[in-house]
Structure formats: structure tokens, C-alpha cells
Amino acid sequence: MTIIYYSSNTEDPIFEQKIIDNLKKQAGDIPIISVTRKPINLGKNICVGEVPVCYANSFKQLLAGLREATTDFCIAAESDVLYPAEYFSFTP
């Protein structure tokens, strides 16, 4: 399993850092691939640059992370959601 975190980096930086801190805590040993418009320090980061903020580009960011993942399963994680530990322990 791999977590694909994607962000447009438009949230308040303090808020988004809380989301990232929670994600790291809940993820445990699950690898994280982050796909963002600005470089961040979260797992393996893929920076797509200052692309327009829209649903189409959000899905393209998620797809970029999925293509980079080498595991059988991936978990999508958005930049404005606090996830409980159970979100990451589900077995498909």
C-alpha cells in the first residue's frame, strides 16, 4: 500500500502543516508519495509546478502519484482532510 497525498498548496500553511503532521502520524510505515504545486517535505515529492487550480489538475496530480507507486494498492489523501488511523488500516 502507498499513500498518494495531493495538494494545490492553496491552504493556509499552518493548517496544511497540521494535516501533514496528522498524515505522517496515522500513516505509520506506509510510504507516502506527495504530488504538489510547490515542493514540500513529505515522502517522495513530485512537484508539478504552478498549474491552474481545478478538478482536472487535481486528478492529474493523483494520477501522477499512482503512476509513481509500485504497490498493488494506493490510498488517496487530500490536503484538507484529517484522516483517522482506520482509514489506513483497511484491507481491500
PDB file of N, CA and C in Angstrom:
ATOM      1  N   MET A   1       0.820  -1.168   0.000  1.00  0.00           N
ATOM      2  CA  MET A   1       0.000   0.000   0.000  1.00  0.00           C
ATOM      3  C   MET A   1       0.881   1.256   0.000  1.00  0.00           C
ATOM      4  N   THR A   2       0.456   2.264  -0.728  1.00  0.00           N
ATOM      5  CA  THR A   2       1.128   3.568  -0.769  1.00  0.00           C
ATOM      6  C   THR A   2       0.076   4.655  -0.605  1.00  0.00           C
ATOM      7  N   ILE A   3       0.412   5.696   0.128  1.00  0.00           N
ATOM      8  CA  ILE A   3      -0.470   6.844   0.261  1.00  0.00           C
ATOM      9  C   ILE A   3      -0.074   7.874  -0.792  1.00  0.00           C
ATOM     10  N   ILE A   4      -1.053   8.343  -1.544  1.00  0.00           N
ATOM     11  CA  ILE A   4      -0.832   9.411  -2.517  1.00  0.00           C
ATOM     12  C   ILE A   4      -1.471  10.677  -1.940  1.00  0.00           C
ATOM     13  N   TYR A   5      -0.630  11.614  -1.519  1.00  0.00           N
ATOM     14  CA  TYR A   5      -1.086  12.886  -0.973  1.00  0.00           C
ATOM     15  C   TYR A   5      -0.998  13.911  -2.092  1.00  0.00           C
ATOM     16  N   TYR A   6      -2.092  14.613  -2.330  1.00  0.00           N
ATOM     17  CA  TYR A   6      -2.036  15.631  -3.375  1.00  0.00           C
ATOM     18  C   TYR A   6      -2.609  16.948  -2.860  1.00  0.00           C
ATOM     19  N   SER A   7      -1.952  18.038  -3.288  1.00  0.00           N
ATOM     20  CA  SER A   7      -2.296  19.356  -2.778  1.00  0.00           C
ATOM     21  C   SER A   7      -2.076  20.423  -3.839  1.00  0.00           C
ATOM     22  N   SER A   8      -2.958  21.423  -3.824  1.00  0.00           N
ATOM     23  CA  SER A   8      -2.769  22.600  -4.686  1.00  0.00           C
ATOM     24  C   SER A   8      -1.964  23.665  -3.953  1.00  0.00           C
ATOM     25  N   ASN A   9      -1.617  23.399  -2.693  1.00  0.00           N
ATOM     26  CA  ASN A   9      -0.844  24.334  -1.866  1.00  0.00           C
ATOM     27  C   ASN A   9      -1.517  25.697  -1.753  1.00  0.00           C
ATOM     28  N   THR A  10      -2.842  25.710  -1.667  1.00  0.00           N
ATOM     29  CA  THR A  10      -3.568  26.969  -1.515  1.00  0.00           C
ATOM     30  C   THR A  10      -4.139  27.139  -0.106  1.00  0.00           C
ATOM     31  N   GLU A  11      -4.003  26.105   0.728  1.00  0.00           N
ATOM     32  CA  GLU A  11      -4.463  26.201   2.120  1.00  0.00           C
ATOM     33  C   GLU A  11      -3.508  27.080   2.915  1.00  0.00           C
ATOM     34  N   ASP A  12      -3.984  27.584   4.045  1.00  0.00           N
ATOM     35  CA  ASP A  12      -3.111  28.299   4.963  1.00  0.00           C
ATOM     36  C   ASP A  12      -1.969  27.355   5.352  1.00  0.00           C
ATOM     37  N   PRO A  13      -0.715  27.787   5.261  1.00  0.00           N
ATOM     38  CA  PRO A  13       0.423  26.906   5.541  1.00  0.00           C
ATOM     39  C   PRO A  13       0.380  26.255   6.930  1.00  0.00           C
ATOM     40  N   ILE A  14      -0.108  26.972   7.930  1.00  0.00           N
ATOM     41  CA  ILE A  14      -0.196  26.391   9.278  1.00  0.00           C
ATOM     42  C   ILE A  14      -1.226  25.259   9.292  1.00  0.00           C
ATOM     43  N   PHE A  15      -2.358  25.488   8.639  1.00  0.00           N
ATOM     44  CA  PHE A  15      -3.397  24.463   8.537  1.00  0.00           C
ATOM     45  C   PHE A  15      -2.881  23.236   7.799  1.00  0.00           C
ATOM     46  N   GLU A  16      -2.248  23.463   6.644  1.00  0.00           N
ATOM     47  CA  GLU A  16      -1.776  22.327   5.849  1.00  0.00           C
ATOM     48  C   GLU A  16      -0.682  21.552   6.586  1.00  0.00           C
ATOM     49  N   GLN A  17       0.137  22.226   7.368  1.00  0.00           N
ATOM     50  CA  GLN A  17       1.167  21.523   8.142  1.00  0.00           C
ATOM     51  C   GLN A  17       0.525  20.604   9.173  1.00  0.00           C
ATOM     52  N   LYS A  18      -0.599  21.036   9.752  1.00  0.00           N
ATOM     53  CA  LYS A  18      -1.316  20.174  10.707  1.00  0.00           C
ATOM     54  C   LYS A  18      -1.853  18.933  10.003  1.00  0.00           C
ATOM     55  N   ILE A  19      -2.332  19.109   8.787  1.00  0.00           N
ATOM     56  CA  ILE A  19      -2.813  17.972   8.002  1.00  0.00           C
ATOM     57  C   ILE A  19      -1.656  17.011   7.725  1.00  0.00           C
ATOM     58  N   ILE A  20      -0.509  17.543   7.321  1.00  0.00           N
ATOM     59  CA  ILE A  20       0.676  16.725   7.017  1.00  0.00           C
ATOM     60  C   ILE A  20       1.162  15.999   8.267  1.00  0.00           C
ATOM     61  N   ASP A  21       1.218  16.689   9.388  1.00  0.00           N
ATOM     62  CA  ASP A  21       1.658  16.060  10.639  1.00  0.00           C
ATOM     63  C   ASP A  21       0.735  14.913  11.025  1.00  0.00           C
ATOM     64  N   ASN A  22      -0.580  15.129  10.888  1.00  0.00           N
ATOM     65  CA  ASN A  22      -1.548  14.073  11.184  1.00  0.00           C
ATOM     66  C   ASN A  22      -1.369  12.898  10.225  1.00  0.00           C
ATOM     67  N   LEU A  23      -1.166  13.189   8.956  1.00  0.00           N
ATOM     68  CA  LEU A  23      -0.986  12.136   7.961  1.00  0.00           C
ATOM     69  C   LEU A  23       0.228  11.283   8.290  1.00  0.00           C
ATOM     70  N   LYS A  24       1.339  11.916   8.625  1.00  0.00           N
ATOM     71  CA  LYS A  24       2.546  11.161   8.980  1.00  0.00           C
ATOM     72  C   LYS A  24       2.295  10.271  10.192  1.00  0.00           C
ATOM     73  N   LYS A  25       1.601  10.793  11.179  1.00  0.00           N
ATOM     74  CA  LYS A  25       1.310  10.036  12.398  1.00  0.00           C
ATOM     75  C   LYS A  25       0.428   8.830  12.089  1.00  0.00           C
ATOM     76  N   GLN A  26      -0.634   9.048  11.327  1.00  0.00           N
ATOM     77  CA  GLN A  26      -1.587   7.976  11.034  1.00  0.00           C
ATOM     78  C   GLN A  26      -1.022   6.954  10.045  1.00  0.00           C
ATOM     79  N   ALA A  27      -0.126   7.392   9.162  1.00  0.00           N
ATOM     80  CA  ALA A  27       0.408   6.503   8.123  1.00  0.00           C
ATOM     81  C   ALA A  27       1.345   5.438   8.689  1.00  0.00           C
ATOM     82  N   GLY A  28       2.034   5.761   9.760  1.00  0.00           N
ATOM     83  CA  GLY A  28       2.986   4.795  10.308  1.00  0.00           C
ATOM     84  C   GLY A  28       4.078   4.487   9.299  1.00  0.00           C
ATOM     85  N   ASP A  29       4.210   3.220   8.925  1.00  0.00           N
ATOM     86  CA  ASP A  29       5.256   2.784   7.994  1.00  0.00           C
ATOM     87  C   ASP A  29       4.814   2.769   6.533  1.00  0.00           C
ATOM     88  N   ILE A  30       3.595   3.187   6.257  1.00  0.00           N
ATOM     89  CA  ILE A  30       3.112   3.182   4.869  1.00  0.00           C
ATOM     90  C   ILE A  30       3.837   4.287   4.103  1.00  0.00           C
ATOM     91  N   PRO A  31       4.444   3.959   2.955  1.00  0.00           N
ATOM     92  CA  PRO A  31       5.144   5.001   2.189  1.00  0.00           C
ATOM     93  C   PRO A  31       4.170   6.047   1.642  1.00  0.00           C
ATOM     94  N   ILE A  32       4.675   7.271   1.520  1.00  0.00           N
ATOM     95  CA  ILE A  32       3.866   8.387   1.024  1.00  0.00           C
ATOM     96  C   ILE A  32       4.524   8.983  -0.215  1.00  0.00           C
ATOM     97  N   ILE A  33       3.707   9.208  -1.230  1.00  0.00           N
ATOM     98  CA  ILE A  33       4.117   9.979  -2.402  1.00  0.00           C
ATOM     99  C   ILE A  33       3.265  11.240  -2.376  1.00  0.00           C
ATOM    100  N   SER A  34       3.914  12.403  -2.342  1.00  0.00           N
ATOM    101  CA  SER A  34       3.166  13.657  -2.364  1.00  0.00           C
ATOM    102  C   SER A  34       3.310  14.293  -3.741  1.00  0.00           C
ATOM    103  N   VAL A  35       2.189  14.790  -4.252  1.00  0.00           N
ATOM    104  CA  VAL A  35       2.183  15.453  -5.557  1.00  0.00           C
ATOM    105  C   VAL A  35       1.579  16.835  -5.337  1.00  0.00           C
ATOM    106  N   THR A  36       2.410  17.852  -5.520  1.00  0.00           N
ATOM    107  CA  THR A  36       2.034  19.204  -5.133  1.00  0.00           C
ATOM    108  C   THR A  36       2.439  20.238  -6.184  1.00  0.00           C
ATOM    109  N   ARG A  37       1.885  21.432  -6.042  1.00  0.00           N
ATOM    110  CA  ARG A  37       2.244  22.539  -6.941  1.00  0.00           C
ATOM    111  C   ARG A  37       3.524  23.227  -6.500  1.00  0.00           C
ATOM    112  N   LYS A  38       3.858  23.101  -5.210  1.00  0.00           N
ATOM    113  CA  LYS A  38       5.096  23.655  -4.654  1.00  0.00           C
ATOM    114  C   LYS A  38       5.828  22.526  -3.946  1.00  0.00           C
ATOM    115  N   PRO A  39       7.155  22.529  -3.941  1.00  0.00           N
ATOM    116  CA  PRO A  39       7.897  21.454  -3.271  1.00  0.00           C
ATOM    117  C   PRO A  39       7.591  21.419  -1.764  1.00  0.00           C
ATOM    118  N   ILE A  40       7.395  20.214  -1.241  1.00  0.00           N
ATOM    119  CA  ILE A  40       7.208  20.034   0.199  1.00  0.00           C
ATOM    120  C   ILE A  40       8.042  18.836   0.650  1.00  0.00           C
ATOM    121  N   ASN A  41       8.231  18.736   1.948  1.00  0.00           N
ATOM    122  CA  ASN A  41       8.989  17.640   2.533  1.00  0.00           C
ATOM    123  C   ASN A  41       8.013  16.597   3.076  1.00  0.00           C
ATOM    124  N   LEU A  42       7.515  15.750   2.201  1.00  0.00           N
ATOM    125  CA  LEU A  42       6.594  14.687   2.595  1.00  0.00           C
ATOM    126  C   LEU A  42       6.795  13.500   1.673  1.00  0.00           C
ATOM    127  N   GLY A  43       7.428  12.469   2.198  1.00  0.00           N
ATOM    128  CA  GLY A  43       7.675  11.275   1.395  1.00  0.00           C
ATOM    129  C   GLY A  43       8.449  11.626   0.141  1.00  0.00           C
ATOM    130  N   LYS A  44       8.117  10.932  -0.929  1.00  0.00           N
ATOM    131  CA  LYS A  44       8.712  11.266  -2.232  1.00  0.00           C
ATOM    132  C   LYS A  44       7.830  12.347  -2.849  1.00  0.00           C
ATOM    133  N   ASN A  45       8.377  13.519  -3.077  1.00  0.00           N
ATOM    134  CA  ASN A  45       7.593  14.630  -3.591  1.00  0.00           C
ATOM    135  C   ASN A  45       7.754  14.779  -5.094  1.00  0.00           C
ATOM    136  N   ILE A  46       6.616  14.887  -5.772  1.00  0.00           N
ATOM    137  CA  ILE A  46       6.570  15.217  -7.190  1.00  0.00           C
ATOM    138  C   ILE A  46       5.963  16.612  -7.274  1.00  0.00           C
ATOM    139  N   CYS A  47       6.734  17.564  -7.735  1.00  0.00           N
ATOM    140  CA  CYS A  47       6.255  18.935  -7.849  1.00  0.00           C
ATOM    141  C   CYS A  47       5.833  19.181  -9.301  1.00  0.00           C
ATOM    142  N   VAL A  48       4.553  19.505  -9.495  1.00  0.00           N
ATOM    143  CA  VAL A  48       4.033  19.708 -10.850  1.00  0.00           C
ATOM    144  C   VAL A  48       4.119  21.161 -11.291  1.00  0.00           C
ATOM    145  N   GLY A  49       4.513  22.041 -10.379  1.00  0.00           N
ATOM    146  CA  GLY A  49       4.640  23.454 -10.723  1.00  0.00           C
ATOM    147  C   GLY A  49       3.329  24.196 -10.560  1.00  0.00           C
ATOM    148  N   GLU A  50       3.340  25.452 -10.935  1.00  0.00           N
ATOM    149  CA  GLU A  50       2.197  26.340 -10.730  1.00  0.00           C
ATOM    150  C   GLU A  50       1.128  26.149 -11.808  1.00  0.00           C
ATOM    151  N   VAL A  51       0.562  24.957 -11.854  1.00  0.00           N
ATOM    152  CA  VAL A  51      -0.534  24.690 -12.787  1.00  0.00           C
ATOM    153  C   VAL A  51      -1.816  25.305 -12.231  1.00  0.00           C
ATOM    154  N   PRO A  52      -2.803  25.596 -13.080  1.00  0.00           N
ATOM    155  CA  PRO A  52      -4.064  26.157 -12.574  1.00  0.00           C
ATOM    156  C   PRO A  52      -4.721  25.208 -11.560  1.00  0.00           C
ATOM    157  N   VAL A  53      -5.403  25.795 -10.585  1.00  0.00           N
ATOM    158  CA  VAL A  53      -6.104  25.009  -9.579  1.00  0.00           C
ATOM    159  C   VAL A  53      -7.499  24.683 -10.109  1.00  0.00           C
ATOM    160  N   CYS A  54      -7.721  23.394 -10.377  1.00  0.00           N
ATOM    161  CA  CYS A  54      -9.020  22.937 -10.862  1.00  0.00           C
ATOM    162  C   CYS A  54      -9.118  21.433 -10.643  1.00  0.00           C
ATOM    163  N   TYR A  55     -10.330  20.895 -10.755  1.00  0.00           N
ATOM    164  CA  TYR A  55     -10.520  19.465 -10.541  1.00  0.00           C
ATOM    165  C   TYR A  55      -9.696  18.627 -11.511  1.00  0.00           C
ATOM    166  N   ALA A  56      -9.619  19.053 -12.756  1.00  0.00           N
ATOM    167  CA  ALA A  56      -8.863  18.284 -13.748  1.00  0.00           C
ATOM    168  C   ALA A  56      -7.402  18.136 -13.332  1.00  0.00           C
ATOM    169  N   ASN A  57      -6.804  19.219 -12.856  1.00  0.00           N
ATOM    170  CA  ASN A  57      -5.403  19.147 -12.441  1.00  0.00           C
ATOM    171  C   ASN A  57      -5.241  18.366 -11.143  1.00  0.00           C
ATOM    172  N   SER A  58      -6.233  18.402 -10.254  1.00  0.00           N
ATOM    173  CA  SER A  58      -6.185  17.567  -9.050  1.00  0.00           C
ATOM    174  C   SER A  58      -6.127  16.095  -9.435  1.00  0.00           C
ATOM    175  N   PHE A  59      -6.965  15.704 -10.386  1.00  0.00           N
ATOM    176  CA  PHE A  59      -6.968  14.313 -10.822  1.00  0.00           C
ATOM    177  C   PHE A  59      -5.664  13.953 -11.544  1.00  0.00           C
ATOM    178  N   LYS A  60      -5.100  14.897 -12.280  1.00  0.00           N
ATOM    179  CA  LYS A  60      -3.809  14.652 -12.933  1.00  0.00           C
ATOM    180  C   LYS A  60      -2.709  14.458 -11.892  1.00  0.00           C
ATOM    181  N   GLN A  61      -2.773  15.222 -10.791  1.00  0.00           N
ATOM    182  CA  GLN A  61      -1.792  15.057  -9.724  1.00  0.00           C
ATOM    183  C   GLN A  61      -1.935  13.676  -9.094  1.00  0.00           C
ATOM    184  N   LEU A  62      -3.166  13.274  -8.823  1.00  0.00           N
ATOM    185  CA  LEU A  62      -3.398  11.946  -8.259  1.00  0.00           C
ATOM    186  C   LEU A  62      -2.880  10.877  -9.209  1.00  0.00           C
ATOM    187  N   LEU A  63      -3.133  11.028 -10.482  1.00  0.00           N
ATOM    188  CA  LEU A  63      -2.667  10.063 -11.477  1.00  0.00           C
ATOM    189  C   LEU A  63      -1.135  10.001 -11.516  1.00  0.00           C
ATOM    190  N   ALA A  64      -0.477  11.142 -11.395  1.00  0.00           N
ATOM    191  CA  ALA A  64       0.997  11.157 -11.363  1.00  0.00           C
ATOM    192  C   ALA A  64       1.518  10.353 -10.180  1.00  0.00           C
ATOM    193  N   GLY A  65       0.872  10.492  -9.027  1.00  0.00           N
ATOM    194  CA  GLY A  65       1.264   9.710  -7.859  1.00  0.00           C
ATOM    195  C   GLY A  65       1.003   8.229  -8.050  1.00  0.00           C
ATOM    196  N   LEU A  66      -0.127   7.893  -8.639  1.00  0.00           N
ATOM    197  CA  LEU A  66      -0.452   6.489  -8.890  1.00  0.00           C
ATOM    198  C   LEU A  66       0.557   5.853  -9.846  1.00  0.00           C
ATOM    199  N   ARG A  67       0.970   6.590 -10.837  1.00  0.00           N
ATOM    200  CA  ARG A  67       1.960   6.066 -11.791  1.00  0.00           C
ATOM    201  C   ARG A  67       3.306   5.825 -11.125  1.00  0.00           C
ATOM    202  N   GLU A  68       3.640   6.627 -10.122  1.00  0.00           N
ATOM    203  CA  GLU A  68       4.920   6.503  -9.426  1.00  0.00           C
ATOM    204  C   GLU A  68       4.916   5.357  -8.417  1.00  0.00           C
ATOM    205  N   ALA A  69       3.757   5.021  -7.900  1.00  0.00           N
ATOM    206  CA  ALA A  69       3.646   3.969  -6.885  1.00  0.00           C
ATOM    207  C   ALA A  69       3.973   2.599  -7.480  1.00  0.00           C
ATOM    208  N   THR A  70       4.587   1.774  -6.660  1.00  0.00           N
ATOM    209  CA  THR A  70       4.950   0.417  -7.107  1.00  0.00           C
ATOM    210  C   THR A  70       4.181  -0.658  -6.338  1.00  0.00           C
ATOM    211  N   THR A  71       3.266  -0.249  -5.470  1.00  0.00           N
ATOM    212  CA  THR A  71       2.499  -1.203  -4.676  1.00  0.00           C
ATOM    213  C   THR A  71       1.209  -1.584  -5.395  1.00  0.00           C
ATOM    214  N   ASP A  72       0.581  -2.662  -4.915  1.00  0.00           N
ATOM    215  CA  ASP A  72      -0.666  -3.125  -5.527  1.00  0.00           C
ATOM    216  C   ASP A  72      -1.841  -2.192  -5.235  1.00  0.00           C
ATOM    217  N   PHE A  73      -1.809  -1.533  -4.079  1.00  0.00           N
ATOM    218  CA  PHE A  73      -2.912  -0.678  -3.671  1.00  0.00           C
ATOM    219  C   PHE A  73      -2.405   0.699  -3.270  1.00  0.00           C
ATOM    220  N   CYS A  74      -3.255   1.726  -3.491  1.00  0.00           N
ATOM    221  CA  CYS A  74      -2.922   3.094  -3.109  1.00  0.00           C
ATOM    222  C   CYS A  74      -4.106   3.704  -2.374  1.00  0.00           C
ATOM    223  N   ILE A  75      -3.785   4.625  -1.492  1.00  0.00           N
ATOM    224  CA  ILE A  75      -4.793   5.340  -0.731  1.00  0.00           C
ATOM    225  C   ILE A  75      -4.655   6.822  -1.081  1.00  0.00           C
ATOM    226  N   ALA A  76      -5.744   7.442  -1.519  1.00  0.00           N
ATOM    227  CA  ALA A  76      -5.717   8.871  -1.831  1.00  0.00           C
ATOM    228  C   ALA A  76      -5.892   9.675  -0.549  1.00  0.00           C
ATOM    229  N   ALA A  77      -5.090  10.716  -0.397  1.00  0.00           N
ATOM    230  CA  ALA A  77      -5.183  11.606   0.767  1.00  0.00           C
ATOM    231  C   ALA A  77      -5.131  13.045   0.285  1.00  0.00           C
ATOM    232  N   GLU A  78      -6.160  13.807   0.605  1.00  0.00           N
ATOM    233  CA  GLU A  78      -6.235  15.201   0.183  1.00  0.00           C
ATOM    234  C   GLU A  78      -5.659  16.121   1.254  1.00  0.00           C
ATOM    235  N   SER A  79      -5.321  17.316   0.842  1.00  0.00           N
ATOM    236  CA  SER A  79      -4.613  18.259   1.707  1.00  0.00           C
ATOM    237  C   SER A  79      -5.505  18.991   2.696  1.00  0.00           C
ATOM    238  N   ASP A  80      -6.803  18.741   2.679  1.00  0.00           N
ATOM    239  CA  ASP A  80      -7.688  19.452   3.593  1.00  0.00           C
ATOM    240  C   ASP A  80      -8.548  18.511   4.435  1.00  0.00           C
ATOM    241  N   VAL A  81      -8.050  17.273   4.635  1.00  0.00           N
ATOM    242  CA  VAL A  81      -8.808  16.274   5.382  1.00  0.00           C
ATOM    243  C   VAL A  81      -7.929  15.658   6.460  1.00  0.00           C
ATOM    244  N   LEU A  82      -8.474  15.563   7.683  1.00  0.00           N
ATOM    245  CA  LEU A  82      -7.804  14.818   8.750  1.00  0.00           C
ATOM    246  C   LEU A  82      -8.317  13.378   8.690  1.00  0.00           C
ATOM    247  N   TYR A  83      -7.425  12.436   8.501  1.00  0.00           N
ATOM    248  CA  TYR A  83      -7.812  11.039   8.365  1.00  0.00           C
ATOM    249  C   TYR A  83      -7.581  10.286   9.664  1.00  0.00           C
ATOM    250  N   PRO A  84      -8.542   9.430  10.073  1.00  0.00           N
ATOM    251  CA  PRO A  84      -8.324   8.599  11.255  1.00  0.00           C
ATOM    252  C   PRO A  84      -7.426   7.418  10.895  1.00  0.00           C
ATOM    253  N   ALA A  85      -6.847   6.793  11.892  1.00  0.00           N
ATOM    254  CA  ALA A  85      -5.951   5.645  11.666  1.00  0.00           C
ATOM    255  C   ALA A  85      -6.653   4.528  10.898  1.00  0.00           C
ATOM    256  N   GLU A  86      -7.950   4.366  11.118  1.00  0.00           N
ATOM    257  CA  GLU A  86      -8.702   3.293  10.461  1.00  0.00           C
ATOM    258  C   GLU A  86      -8.726   3.447   8.938  1.00  0.00           C
ATOM    259  N   TYR A  87      -8.605   4.662   8.461  1.00  0.00           N
ATOM    260  CA  TYR A  87      -8.590   4.905   7.015  1.00  0.00           C
ATOM    261  C   TYR A  87      -7.417   4.174   6.359  1.00  0.00           C
ATOM    262  N   PHE A  88      -6.328   4.041   7.092  1.00  0.00           N
ATOM    263  CA  PHE A  88      -5.115   3.435   6.550  1.00  0.00           C
ATOM    264  C   PHE A  88      -4.971   1.964   6.897  1.00  0.00           C
ATOM    265  N   SER A  89      -5.856   1.421   7.711  1.00  0.00           N
ATOM    266  CA  SER A  89      -5.734   0.012   8.097  1.00  0.00           C
ATOM    267  C   SER A  89      -6.707  -0.883   7.327  1.00  0.00           C
ATOM    268  N   PHE A  90      -7.535  -0.303   6.470  1.00  0.00           N
ATOM    269  CA  PHE A  90      -8.479  -1.080   5.679  1.00  0.00           C
ATOM    270  C   PHE A  90      -7.734  -2.000   4.714  1.00  0.00           C
ATOM    271  N   THR A  91      -8.139  -3.258   4.657  1.00  0.00           N
ATOM    272  CA  THR A  91      -7.526  -4.204   3.723  1.00  0.00           C
ATOM    273  C   THR A  91      -8.523  -4.469   2.593  1.00  0.00           C
ATOM    274  N   PRO A  92      -8.140  -4.120   1.359  1.00  0.00           N
ATOM    275  CA  PRO A  92      -9.059  -4.330   0.231  1.00  0.00           C
ATOM    276  C   PRO A  92      -9.296  -5.811  -0.032  1.00  0.00           C
TER     277      PRO A  92
END
